Protein backbone atom coordinates (compact mmCIF):
# COMPACT_ATOMS: atom_id res chain seq x y z
CA UNK A 1 -12.17 12.01 -66.08
CA UNK A 2 -14.08 15.29 -65.86
CA UNK A 3 -12.95 18.68 -67.13
CA UNK A 4 -10.96 20.69 -64.59
CA UNK A 5 -11.34 24.42 -63.90
CA UNK A 6 -8.47 26.33 -62.25
CA UNK A 7 -8.25 30.02 -61.38
CA UNK A 8 -5.55 31.77 -63.43
CA UNK A 9 -3.05 34.19 -61.87
CA UNK A 10 -3.84 37.55 -63.47
CA UNK A 11 -1.10 39.36 -65.38
CA UNK A 12 -3.12 42.59 -65.56
CA UNK A 13 -5.12 44.25 -62.79
CA UNK A 14 -8.85 43.61 -62.93
CA UNK A 15 -11.07 46.25 -64.47
CA UNK A 16 -13.10 48.36 -62.05
CA UNK A 17 -16.45 46.69 -61.48
CA UNK A 18 -18.97 46.63 -58.68
CA UNK A 19 -17.52 44.54 -55.85
CA UNK A 20 -20.44 42.12 -55.91
CA UNK A 21 -19.82 41.19 -59.57
CA UNK A 22 -16.01 41.41 -59.66
CA UNK A 23 -15.65 37.63 -59.28
CA UNK A 24 -17.40 37.14 -62.63
CA UNK A 25 -14.43 38.55 -64.55
CA UNK A 26 -11.78 36.37 -62.90
CA UNK A 27 -10.26 34.18 -65.63
CA UNK A 28 -10.13 30.44 -65.14
CA UNK A 29 -8.35 27.78 -67.13
CA UNK A 30 -10.31 24.77 -68.36
CA UNK A 31 -8.37 21.55 -68.87
CA UNK A 32 -10.33 19.40 -71.29
CA UNK A 33 -10.37 15.66 -70.97
CA UNK A 34 -9.14 13.26 -72.28
CA UNK A 35 -6.66 15.39 -74.27
CA UNK A 36 -5.00 18.04 -72.11
CA UNK A 37 -6.13 21.08 -74.04
CA UNK A 38 -6.43 24.29 -72.06
CA UNK A 39 -8.52 27.38 -72.79
CA UNK A 40 -9.07 30.51 -70.73
CA UNK A 41 -12.48 31.97 -69.97
CA UNK A 42 -14.32 33.98 -67.37
CA UNK A 43 -17.84 33.91 -66.03
CA UNK A 44 -18.46 37.31 -67.62
CA UNK A 45 -17.42 35.94 -71.03
CA UNK A 46 -19.77 32.98 -70.63
CA UNK A 47 -22.56 35.38 -69.61
CA UNK A 48 -21.91 37.39 -72.75
CA UNK A 49 -21.95 34.26 -74.93
CA UNK A 50 -25.22 33.18 -73.33
CA UNK A 51 -26.80 36.60 -73.96
CA UNK A 52 -25.66 36.44 -77.58
CA UNK A 53 -27.10 32.96 -78.05
CA UNK A 54 -30.40 34.02 -76.45
CA UNK A 55 -30.59 37.03 -78.79
CA UNK A 56 -29.91 34.79 -81.79
CA UNK A 57 -32.56 32.35 -80.57
CA UNK A 58 -35.10 35.17 -80.21
CA UNK A 59 -34.31 36.35 -83.74
CA UNK A 60 -34.71 32.78 -85.04
CA UNK A 61 -38.00 32.34 -83.19
CA UNK A 62 -39.24 35.62 -84.68
CA UNK A 63 -38.23 34.57 -88.20
CA UNK A 64 -39.88 31.15 -87.73
CA UNK A 65 -43.12 32.91 -86.73
CA UNK A 66 -42.88 35.07 -89.87
CA UNK A 67 -42.28 32.01 -92.06
CA UNK A 68 -45.19 30.15 -90.47
CA UNK A 69 -47.49 33.14 -91.08
CA UNK A 70 -46.38 33.25 -94.70
CA UNK A 71 -46.93 29.48 -95.01
CA UNK A 72 -50.54 29.97 -93.89
CA UNK A 73 -51.03 32.63 -96.57
CA UNK A 74 -49.45 30.43 -99.26
CA UNK A 75 -51.58 27.46 -98.22
CA UNK A 76 -54.71 29.62 -98.32
CA UNK A 77 -53.81 30.91 -101.78
CA UNK A 78 -53.21 27.37 -103.07
CA UNK A 79 -56.43 26.02 -101.60
CA UNK A 80 -58.41 28.97 -102.94
CA UNK A 81 -57.78 28.00 -106.55
């Protein structure tokens, strides 16, 4: 059975946001299958997580490029001798 997403009744009023994006902050409850474990999330939270992951990926890609450049220098130094 697939995971189930259900809109959660809000206990606090929503924060003021542009009307077009207000739906992104509506919390939903995810019922995981097969065990009935529930977590709360919102689209805005998922957007934030995605942005964070993309930033981490960019930092990793940058570091990989630095390592590869250093590897070329090390290889050149080893082959020079």
